[in-house]
């Protein structure tokens, strides 16, 4: 029940904010303000609903240490996407074709901030965290990652491979980042850094949603198997490999810090019953 309450509360803010941002996308500065406002409001609503439904302090969105954690995440996310672009450029499948749009990048800053915050609150703050309490880290990581990937199937140029890639490189990796730190600020930073670098800097396709207009004009060519095709670089094998490597690093940190939640007894019994059938 608390999972449903928290999902609904954050989803209402996400959809309302998304509708407003979508309605003013022609105005970059209004999009920036509305996007940032949506992000802040979503965190406030999440914190209040957690206090009300769980009778505890939402330490995962505590203000202390938030700025450096988001900053570290930004560097990781942007660096990860830049590594994908460097590999594609080395093969001749990606090139920069002049300067793009500063105002376009400003609008994408607000849009991506709202998307990163609301999606992390929904998928890692609510879904992963509560499922982990009941089943353990490993089942929660796989389940929340799968749901996160499947949610992208509704995008315009979506594909099954693209959804699988998102599930691995983003869903699993971002859940592992939360498990390693027990704060949502690092995965929020990683998510935002990745998305903004992809759209706001390199003007690449984002999760099959179409072309973007960021700081640089870019051209992607070559086999879809390597570039991600219409879905964008997120469906590139390079993105999957880098995301999987970061997932391993975060899970190693989580284990070292004692943050992994073991498989619960009733979850073990259910798994054993399933295997015996």
C-alpha atoms as a PDB file:
ATOM      1  CA  UNK A   1       0.000   0.000   0.000  1.00  0.00           C
ATOM      2  CA  UNK A   2       2.773   2.476   0.851  1.00  0.00           C
ATOM      3  CA  UNK A   3       4.437   1.641  -2.463  1.00  0.00           C
ATOM      4  CA  UNK A   4       1.234   2.590  -4.281  1.00  0.00           C
ATOM      5  CA  UNK A   5       0.787   5.792  -2.283  1.00  0.00           C
ATOM      6  CA  UNK A   6       4.327   6.949  -2.978  1.00  0.00           C
ATOM      7  CA  UNK A   7       4.188   5.992  -6.657  1.00  0.00           C
ATOM      8  CA  UNK A   8       0.933   7.882  -7.143  1.00  0.00           C
ATOM      9  CA  UNK A   9       2.142  10.992  -5.302  1.00  0.00           C
ATOM     10  CA  UNK A  10       5.375  11.322  -7.289  1.00  0.00           C
ATOM     11  CA  UNK A  11       3.705  10.281 -10.562  1.00  0.00           C
ATOM     12  CA  UNK A  12       1.120  13.073 -10.221  1.00  0.00           C
ATOM     13  CA  UNK A  13       3.903  15.651  -9.903  1.00  0.00           C
ATOM     14  CA  UNK A  14       5.822  14.051 -12.784  1.00  0.00           C
ATOM     15  CA  UNK A  15       2.862  13.990 -15.168  1.00  0.00           C
ATOM     16  CA  UNK A  16       1.636  17.473 -14.239  1.00  0.00           C
ATOM     17  CA  UNK A  17       5.123  18.931 -14.533  1.00  0.00           C
ATOM     18  CA  UNK A  18       5.744  17.040 -17.769  1.00  0.00           C
ATOM     19  CA  UNK A  19       2.522  18.362 -19.273  1.00  0.00           C
ATOM     20  CA  UNK A  20       3.441  21.949 -18.386  1.00  0.00           C
ATOM     21  CA  UNK A  21       6.994  21.572 -19.711  1.00  0.00           C
ATOM     22  CA  UNK A  22       5.686  20.001 -22.913  1.00  0.00           C
ATOM     23  CA  UNK A  23       3.246  22.866 -23.412  1.00  0.00           C
ATOM     24  CA  UNK A  24       5.985  25.528 -23.299  1.00  0.00           C
ATOM     25  CA  UNK A  25       8.854  23.743 -25.059  1.00  0.00           C
ATOM     26  CA  UNK A  26       9.127  26.594 -27.546  1.00  0.00           C
ATOM     27  CA  UNK A  27      10.317  28.893 -24.738  1.00  0.00           C
ATOM     28  CA  UNK A  28      13.653  27.642 -23.427  1.00  0.00           C
ATOM     29  CA  UNK A  29      13.788  29.775 -20.282  1.00  0.00           C
ATOM     30  CA  UNK A  30      10.232  28.947 -19.196  1.00  0.00           C
ATOM     31  CA  UNK A  31      10.998  25.267 -19.842  1.00  0.00           C
ATOM     32  CA  UNK A  32      14.097  25.593 -17.647  1.00  0.00           C
ATOM     33  CA  UNK A  33      12.165  27.178 -14.774  1.00  0.00           C
ATOM     34  CA  UNK A  34       9.247  24.725 -14.953  1.00  0.00           C
ATOM     35  CA  UNK A  35      11.599  21.752 -15.233  1.00  0.00           C
ATOM     36  CA  UNK A  36      13.623  22.765 -12.188  1.00  0.00           C
ATOM     37  CA  UNK A  37      10.430  23.556 -10.261  1.00  0.00           C
ATOM     38  CA  UNK A  38       9.051  20.107 -11.093  1.00  0.00           C
ATOM     39  CA  UNK A  39      12.257  18.490  -9.851  1.00  0.00           C
ATOM     40  CA  UNK A  40      12.212  20.396  -6.546  1.00  0.00           C
ATOM     41  CA  UNK A  41       8.485  19.819  -5.991  1.00  0.00           C
ATOM     42  CA  UNK A  42       8.855  16.099  -6.684  1.00  0.00           C
ATOM     43  CA  UNK A  43      11.545  15.768  -3.991  1.00  0.00           C
ATOM     44  CA  UNK A  44       9.421  17.715  -1.479  1.00  0.00           C
ATOM     45  CA  UNK A  45       6.334  15.597  -2.202  1.00  0.00           C
ATOM     46  CA  UNK A  46       8.347  12.363  -1.993  1.00  0.00           C
ATOM     47  CA  UNK A  47       9.846  13.368   1.362  1.00  0.00           C
ATOM     48  CA  UNK A  48       6.464  14.292   2.820  1.00  0.00           C
ATOM     49  CA  UNK A  49       4.741  11.124   1.611  1.00  0.00           C
ATOM     50  CA  UNK A  50       7.548   8.945   2.999  1.00  0.00           C
ATOM     51  CA  UNK A  51       7.276  10.691   6.382  1.00  0.00           C
ATOM     52  CA  UNK A  52       3.510  10.181   6.372  1.00  0.00           C
ATOM     53  CA  UNK A  53       3.352   6.598   5.099  1.00  0.00           C
ATOM     54  CA  UNK A  54       6.477   5.158   6.756  1.00  0.00           C
ATOM     55  CA  UNK A  55       6.792   7.312   9.861  1.00  0.00           C
ATOM     56  CA  UNK A  56      10.501   7.925   9.282  1.00  0.00           C
ATOM     57  CA  UNK A  57      12.901  10.601   8.058  1.00  0.00           C
ATOM     58  CA  UNK A  58      13.599  10.202   4.309  1.00  0.00           C
ATOM     59  CA  UNK A  59      17.383  10.084   4.670  1.00  0.00           C
ATOM     60  CA  UNK A  60      17.753   9.071   1.003  1.00  0.00           C
ATOM     61  CA  UNK A  61      16.910  12.675   0.022  1.00  0.00           C
ATOM     62  CA  UNK A  62      18.533  14.420   2.994  1.00  0.00           C
ATOM     63  CA  UNK A  63      19.953  17.833   2.172  1.00  0.00           C
ATOM     64  CA  UNK A  64      23.334  17.155   3.781  1.00  0.00           C
ATOM     65  CA  UNK A  65      25.818  16.015   1.155  1.00  0.00           C
ATOM     66  CA  UNK A  66      23.322  16.398  -1.685  1.00  0.00           C
ATOM     67  CA  UNK A  67      25.343  18.862  -3.793  1.00  0.00           C
ATOM     68  CA  UNK A  68      28.633  16.905  -3.867  1.00  0.00           C
ATOM     69  CA  UNK A  69      26.752  13.639  -4.475  1.00  0.00           C
ATOM     70  CA  UNK A  70      24.871  15.121  -7.431  1.00  0.00           C
ATOM     71  CA  UNK A  71      28.130  16.607  -8.707  1.00  0.00           C
ATOM     72  CA  UNK A  72      29.889  13.244  -8.596  1.00  0.00           C
ATOM     73  CA  UNK A  73      26.948  11.691 -10.379  1.00  0.00           C
ATOM     74  CA  UNK A  74      27.018  14.371 -13.083  1.00  0.00           C
ATOM     75  CA  UNK A  75      30.665  13.619 -13.804  1.00  0.00           C
ATOM     76  CA  UNK A  76      30.055   9.872 -13.920  1.00  0.00           C
ATOM     77  CA  UNK A  77      26.980  10.123 -16.159  1.00  0.00           C
ATOM     78  CA  UNK A  78      28.481  12.657 -18.565  1.00  0.00           C
ATOM     79  CA  UNK A  79      31.773  10.778 -18.655  1.00  0.00           C
ATOM     80  CA  UNK A  80      30.022   7.513 -19.396  1.00  0.00           C
ATOM     81  CA  UNK A  81      28.136   9.000 -22.343  1.00  0.00           C
ATOM     82  CA  UNK A  82      31.239  10.792 -23.620  1.00  0.00           C
ATOM     83  CA  UNK A  83      33.032   7.421 -23.622  1.00  0.00           C
ATOM     84  CA  UNK A  84      30.265   6.000 -25.843  1.00  0.00           C
ATOM     85  CA  UNK A  85      30.577   8.947 -28.250  1.00  0.00           C
ATOM     86  CA  UNK A  86      34.385   8.707 -28.368  1.00  0.00           C
ATOM     87  CA  UNK A  87      34.169   5.043 -29.361  1.00  0.00           C
ATOM     88  CA  UNK A  88      31.585   5.732 -32.072  1.00  0.00           C
ATOM     89  CA  UNK A  89      33.622   8.673 -33.370  1.00  0.00           C
ATOM     90  CA  UNK A  90      36.764   6.528 -33.472  1.00  0.00           C
ATOM     91  CA  UNK A  91      34.917   4.123 -35.791  1.00  0.00           C
ATOM     92  CA  UNK A  92      33.745   7.033 -37.954  1.00  0.00           C
ATOM     93  CA  UNK A  93      30.091   6.626 -36.972  1.00  0.00           C
ATOM     94  CA  UNK A  94      29.727   9.934 -35.128  1.00  0.00           C
ATOM     95  CA  UNK A  95      30.958  13.425 -35.978  1.00  0.00           C
ATOM     96  CA  UNK A  96      30.449  16.986 -34.801  1.00  0.00           C
ATOM     97  CA  UNK A  97      29.063  19.227 -37.554  1.00  0.00           C
ATOM     98  CA  UNK A  98      29.362  22.708 -36.035  1.00  0.00           C
ATOM     99  CA  UNK A  99      27.726  24.537 -33.174  1.00  0.00           C
ATOM    100  CA  UNK A 100      24.128  23.955 -32.225  1.00  0.00           C
ATOM    101  CA  UNK A 101      21.642  25.871 -30.113  1.00  0.00           C
ATOM    102  CA  UNK A 102      22.387  27.467 -26.732  1.00  0.00           C
ATOM    103  CA  UNK A 103      18.692  28.121 -26.071  1.00  0.00           C
ATOM    104  CA  UNK A 104      17.899  24.536 -27.013  1.00  0.00           C
ATOM    105  CA  UNK A 105      20.446  23.325 -24.443  1.00  0.00           C
ATOM    106  CA  UNK A 106      18.939  25.623 -21.792  1.00  0.00           C
ATOM    107  CA  UNK A 107      15.482  24.163 -22.366  1.00  0.00           C
ATOM    108  CA  UNK A 108      16.860  20.625 -22.261  1.00  0.00           C
ATOM    109  CA  UNK A 109      18.558  21.435 -18.962  1.00  0.00           C
ATOM    110  CA  UNK A 110      15.170  21.939 -17.308  1.00  0.00           C
ATOM    111  CA  UNK A 111      13.496  19.063 -19.125  1.00  0.00           C
ATOM    112  CA  UNK A 112      16.234  16.567 -18.250  1.00  0.00           C
ATOM    113  CA  UNK A 113      16.406  17.742 -14.633  1.00  0.00           C
ATOM    114  CA  UNK A 114      12.696  17.045 -14.192  1.00  0.00           C
ATOM    115  CA  UNK A 115      12.973  13.673 -15.934  1.00  0.00           C
ATOM    116  CA  UNK A 116      16.024  12.546 -13.950  1.00  0.00           C
ATOM    117  CA  UNK A 117      14.607  13.499 -10.552  1.00  0.00           C
ATOM    118  CA  UNK A 118      11.088  12.150 -11.034  1.00  0.00           C
ATOM    119  CA  UNK A 119      12.266   8.883 -12.613  1.00  0.00           C
ATOM    120  CA  UNK A 120      14.819   8.257  -9.866  1.00  0.00           C
ATOM    121  CA  UNK A 121      12.233   8.959  -7.166  1.00  0.00           C
ATOM    122  CA  UNK A 122       9.773   6.557  -8.813  1.00  0.00           C
ATOM    123  CA  UNK A 123      12.068   3.711  -9.838  1.00  0.00           C
ATOM    124  CA  UNK A 124      14.861   3.782  -7.267  1.00  0.00           C
ATOM    125  CA  UNK A 125      13.318   5.746  -4.389  1.00  0.00           C
ATOM    126  CA  UNK A 126      10.013   3.857  -4.371  1.00  0.00           C
ATOM    127  CA  UNK A 127      10.064   0.702  -6.500  1.00  0.00           C
ATOM    128  CA  UNK A 128      13.608  -0.542  -5.918  1.00  0.00           C
ATOM    129  CA  UNK A 129      13.795   0.488  -2.266  1.00  0.00           C
ATOM    130  CA  UNK A 130      10.505  -1.076  -1.162  1.00  0.00           C
ATOM    131  CA  UNK A 131      10.914  -4.254  -3.227  1.00  0.00           C
ATOM    132  CA  UNK A 132      14.448  -4.586  -1.836  1.00  0.00           C
ATOM    133  CA  UNK A 133      13.100  -4.474   1.721  1.00  0.00           C
ATOM    134  CA  UNK A 134      10.863  -7.455   0.957  1.00  0.00           C
ATOM    135  CA  UNK A 135      13.036  -9.562  -1.355  1.00  0.00           C
ATOM    136  CA  UNK A 136      16.657  -8.423  -1.099  1.00  0.00           C
ATOM    137  CA  UNK A 137      18.952  -6.396  -3.332  1.00  0.00           C
ATOM    138  CA  UNK A 138      19.405  -8.852  -6.201  1.00  0.00           C
ATOM    139  CA  UNK A 139      15.731  -9.484  -6.956  1.00  0.00           C
ATOM    140  CA  UNK A 140      14.885  -5.799  -6.544  1.00  0.00           C
ATOM    141  CA  UNK A 141      17.712  -4.785  -8.865  1.00  0.00           C
ATOM    142  CA  UNK A 142      16.589  -7.180 -11.591  1.00  0.00           C
ATOM    143  CA  UNK A 143      12.883  -6.408 -11.243  1.00  0.00           C
ATOM    144  CA  UNK A 144      13.165  -2.615 -11.085  1.00  0.00           C
ATOM    145  CA  UNK A 145      15.667  -2.612 -13.966  1.00  0.00           C
ATOM    146  CA  UNK A 146      13.317  -4.719 -16.099  1.00  0.00           C
ATOM    147  CA  UNK A 147      10.351  -2.438 -15.370  1.00  0.00           C
ATOM    148  CA  UNK A 148      12.471   0.630 -16.146  1.00  0.00           C
ATOM    149  CA  UNK A 149      13.476  -0.843 -19.504  1.00  0.00           C
ATOM    150  CA  UNK A 150       9.948  -1.898 -20.419  1.00  0.00           C
ATOM    151  CA  UNK A 151       8.644   1.606 -19.669  1.00  0.00           C
ATOM    152  CA  UNK A 152      10.711   2.850 -22.628  1.00  0.00           C
ATOM    153  CA  UNK A 153       8.881   0.597 -25.075  1.00  0.00           C
ATOM    154  CA  UNK A 154       6.224   3.281 -25.442  1.00  0.00           C
ATOM    155  CA  UNK A 155       8.682   5.713 -27.038  1.00  0.00           C
ATOM    156  CA  UNK A 156       8.387   6.601 -30.720  1.00  0.00           C
ATOM    157  CA  UNK A 157      11.339   4.618 -32.097  1.00  0.00           C
ATOM    158  CA  UNK A 158      11.442   2.049 -29.326  1.00  0.00           C
ATOM    159  CA  UNK A 159      12.663  -1.493 -29.855  1.00  0.00           C
ATOM    160  CA  UNK A 160      12.944  -4.583 -27.699  1.00  0.00           C
ATOM    161  CA  UNK A 161      16.737  -4.376 -27.827  1.00  0.00           C
ATOM    162  CA  UNK A 162      16.584  -0.715 -26.791  1.00  0.00           C
ATOM    163  CA  UNK A 163      14.433  -1.619 -23.781  1.00  0.00           C
ATOM    164  CA  UNK A 164      16.848  -4.396 -22.799  1.00  0.00           C
ATOM    165  CA  UNK A 165      19.787  -2.012 -23.159  1.00  0.00           C
ATOM    166  CA  UNK A 166      18.074   0.565 -20.935  1.00  0.00           C
ATOM    167  CA  UNK A 167      17.257  -2.132 -18.368  1.00  0.00           C
ATOM    168  CA  UNK A 168      20.931  -3.136 -18.127  1.00  0.00           C
ATOM    169  CA  UNK A 169      22.860   0.103 -18.554  1.00  0.00           C
ATOM    170  CA  UNK A 170      20.461   2.393 -16.689  1.00  0.00           C
ATOM    171  CA  UNK A 171      17.952   0.418 -14.638  1.00  0.00           C
ATOM    172  CA  UNK A 172      20.493  -1.931 -13.108  1.00  0.00           C
ATOM    173  CA  UNK A 173      23.307   0.595 -12.890  1.00  0.00           C
ATOM    174  CA  UNK A 174      21.257   3.327 -11.217  1.00  0.00           C
ATOM    175  CA  UNK A 175      19.782   0.885  -8.698  1.00  0.00           C
ATOM    176  CA  UNK A 176      23.307  -0.302  -7.921  1.00  0.00           C
ATOM    177  CA  UNK A 177      24.385   3.333  -7.444  1.00  0.00           C
ATOM    178  CA  UNK A 178      21.613   3.761  -4.874  1.00  0.00           C
ATOM    179  CA  UNK A 179      22.567   0.509  -3.148  1.00  0.00           C
ATOM    180  CA  UNK A 180      26.193   1.629  -2.919  1.00  0.00           C
ATOM    181  CA  UNK A 181      25.407   5.039  -1.395  1.00  0.00           C
ATOM    182  CA  UNK A 182      21.910   4.687   0.116  1.00  0.00           C
ATOM    183  CA  UNK A 183      21.154   8.139  -1.229  1.00  0.00           C
ATOM    184  CA  UNK A 184      19.165   9.099  -4.310  1.00  0.00           C
ATOM    185  CA  UNK A 185      21.396  12.074  -5.071  1.00  0.00           C
ATOM    186  CA  UNK A 186      24.137  10.062  -6.790  1.00  0.00           C
ATOM    187  CA  UNK A 187      21.778   8.193  -9.174  1.00  0.00           C
ATOM    188  CA  UNK A 188      19.940  11.464  -9.847  1.00  0.00           C
ATOM    189  CA  UNK A 189      23.251  13.064 -10.811  1.00  0.00           C
ATOM    190  CA  UNK A 190      24.289  10.112 -12.992  1.00  0.00           C
ATOM    191  CA  UNK A 191      20.898  10.040 -14.713  1.00  0.00           C
ATOM    192  CA  UNK A 192      20.913  13.776 -15.371  1.00  0.00           C
ATOM    193  CA  UNK A 193      24.563  13.857 -16.463  1.00  0.00           C
ATOM    194  CA  UNK A 194      23.980  11.057 -18.973  1.00  0.00           C
ATOM    195  CA  UNK A 195      20.760  12.520 -20.409  1.00  0.00           C
ATOM    196  CA  UNK A 196      22.005  16.097 -20.630  1.00  0.00           C
ATOM    197  CA  UNK A 197      25.287  15.084 -22.251  1.00  0.00           C
ATOM    198  CA  UNK A 198      23.336  12.988 -24.741  1.00  0.00           C
ATOM    199  CA  UNK A 199      20.759  15.631 -25.653  1.00  0.00           C
ATOM    200  CA  UNK A 200      21.968  18.990 -24.367  1.00  0.00           C
ATOM    201  CA  UNK A 201      25.572  18.678 -25.542  1.00  0.00           C
ATOM    202  CA  UNK A 202      25.834  16.084 -28.332  1.00  0.00           C
ATOM    203  CA  UNK A 203      22.255  16.459 -29.711  1.00  0.00           C
ATOM    204  CA  UNK A 204      21.783  12.696 -29.993  1.00  0.00           C
ATOM    205  CA  UNK A 205      18.558  10.691 -30.034  1.00  0.00           C
ATOM    206  CA  UNK A 206      17.333   9.963 -26.505  1.00  0.00           C
ATOM    207  CA  UNK A 207      15.610   6.623 -25.869  1.00  0.00           C
ATOM    208  CA  UNK A 208      13.879   6.661 -29.244  1.00  0.00           C
ATOM    209  CA  UNK A 209      12.195  10.023 -28.633  1.00  0.00           C
ATOM    210  CA  UNK A 210      13.626  11.711 -31.720  1.00  0.00           C
ATOM    211  CA  UNK A 211      16.356  14.224 -32.516  1.00  0.00           C
ATOM    212  CA  UNK A 212      17.385  16.883 -30.009  1.00  0.00           C
ATOM    213  CA  UNK A 213      19.022  20.301 -30.471  1.00  0.00           C
ATOM    214  CA  UNK A 214      21.812  20.894 -27.986  1.00  0.00           C
ATOM    215  CA  UNK A 215      25.093  22.785 -27.948  1.00  0.00           C
ATOM    216  CA  UNK A 216      26.621  20.813 -30.827  1.00  0.00           C
ATOM    217  CA  UNK A 217      25.225  19.706 -34.154  1.00  0.00           C
ATOM    218  CA  UNK A 218      26.081  16.069 -34.694  1.00  0.00           C
ATOM    219  CA  UNK A 219      25.703  13.396 -37.335  1.00  0.00           C
ATOM    220  CA  UNK A 220      25.407   9.696 -36.554  1.00  0.00           C
ATOM    221  CA  UNK A 221      25.861   7.120 -39.301  1.00  0.00           C
ATOM    222  CA  UNK A 222      26.841   3.496 -39.601  1.00  0.00           C
ATOM    223  CA  UNK A 223      25.256   0.177 -38.622  1.00  0.00           C
ATOM    224  CA  UNK A 224      22.384   0.409 -36.138  1.00  0.00           C
ATOM    225  CA  UNK A 225      23.871  -2.603 -34.360  1.00  0.00           C
ATOM    226  CA  UNK A 226      26.707  -0.371 -33.124  1.00  0.00           C
ATOM    227  CA  UNK A 227      25.196   3.130 -33.133  1.00  0.00           C
ATOM    228  CA  UNK A 228      21.800   2.254 -31.658  1.00  0.00           C
ATOM    229  CA  UNK A 229      19.967   3.362 -34.807  1.00  0.00           C
ATOM    230  CA  UNK A 230      16.738   5.313 -34.348  1.00  0.00           C
ATOM    231  CA  UNK A 231      16.699   4.547 -30.616  1.00  0.00           C
ATOM    232  CA  UNK A 232      19.932   6.475 -30.153  1.00  0.00           C
ATOM    233  CA  UNK A 233      23.335   5.670 -28.582  1.00  0.00           C
ATOM    234  CA  UNK A 234      21.645   4.200 -25.518  1.00  0.00           C
ATOM    235  CA  UNK A 235      21.048   1.095 -27.647  1.00  0.00           C
ATOM    236  CA  UNK A 236      24.717   0.914 -28.625  1.00  0.00           C
ATOM    237  CA  UNK A 237      26.652  -2.089 -27.255  1.00  0.00           C
ATOM    238  CA  UNK A 238      29.199   0.421 -25.946  1.00  0.00           C
ATOM    239  CA  UNK A 239      26.567   1.959 -23.659  1.00  0.00           C
ATOM    240  CA  UNK A 240      25.517  -1.490 -22.422  1.00  0.00           C
ATOM    241  CA  UNK A 241      29.108  -2.516 -21.687  1.00  0.00           C
ATOM    242  CA  UNK A 242      29.984   0.718 -19.864  1.00  0.00           C
ATOM    243  CA  UNK A 243      26.725   0.583 -17.907  1.00  0.00           C
ATOM    244  CA  UNK A 244      27.342  -3.037 -16.927  1.00  0.00           C
ATOM    245  CA  UNK A 245      30.893  -2.212 -15.793  1.00  0.00           C
ATOM    246  CA  UNK A 246      29.629   0.646 -13.623  1.00  0.00           C
ATOM    247  CA  UNK A 247      26.960  -1.670 -12.197  1.00  0.00           C
ATOM    248  CA  UNK A 248      29.695  -4.100 -11.133  1.00  0.00           C
ATOM    249  CA  UNK A 249      31.691  -1.277  -9.536  1.00  0.00           C
ATOM    250  CA  UNK A 250      28.666   0.046  -7.611  1.00  0.00           C
ATOM    251  CA  UNK A 251      27.681  -3.437  -6.432  1.00  0.00           C
ATOM    252  CA  UNK A 252      31.250  -4.056  -5.289  1.00  0.00           C
ATOM    253  CA  UNK A 253      31.091  -0.829  -3.281  1.00  0.00           C
ATOM    254  CA  UNK A 254      27.697  -1.816  -1.874  1.00  0.00           C
ATOM    255  CA  UNK A 255      29.058  -5.169  -0.747  1.00  0.00           C
ATOM    256  CA  UNK A 256      32.193  -3.628   0.722  1.00  0.00           C
ATOM    257  CA  UNK A 257      30.087  -1.139   2.695  1.00  0.00           C
ATOM    258  CA  UNK A 258      27.658  -3.817   3.891  1.00  0.00           C
ATOM    259  CA  UNK A 259      24.772  -2.267   1.960  1.00  0.00           C
ATOM    260  CA  UNK A 260      23.544  -5.383   0.135  1.00  0.00           C
ATOM    261  CA  UNK A 261      20.255  -6.706   1.514  1.00  0.00           C
ATOM    262  CA  UNK A 262      20.244 -10.533   1.517  1.00  0.00           C
ATOM    263  CA  UNK A 263      17.531 -12.597  -0.138  1.00  0.00           C
ATOM    264  CA  UNK A 264      14.595 -12.746   2.271  1.00  0.00           C
ATOM    265  CA  UNK A 265      13.397 -16.080   3.660  1.00  0.00           C
ATOM    266  CA  UNK A 266       9.970 -15.960   2.030  1.00  0.00           C
ATOM    267  CA  UNK A 267      11.572 -14.896  -1.265  1.00  0.00           C
ATOM    268  CA  UNK A 268      13.934 -17.883  -1.061  1.00  0.00           C
ATOM    269  CA  UNK A 269      11.000 -20.195  -0.394  1.00  0.00           C
ATOM    270  CA  UNK A 270       9.058 -18.786  -3.363  1.00  0.00           C
ATOM    271  CA  UNK A 271      12.098 -19.152  -5.616  1.00  0.00           C
ATOM    272  CA  UNK A 272      12.631 -22.758  -4.465  1.00  0.00           C
ATOM    273  CA  UNK A 273       8.962 -23.600  -5.080  1.00  0.00           C
ATOM    274  CA  UNK A 274       9.187 -22.129  -8.578  1.00  0.00           C
ATOM    275  CA  UNK A 275      12.299 -24.173  -9.394  1.00  0.00           C
ATOM    276  CA  UNK A 276      10.727 -27.398  -8.132  1.00  0.00           C
ATOM    277  CA  UNK A 277       7.721 -27.083 -10.454  1.00  0.00           C
END
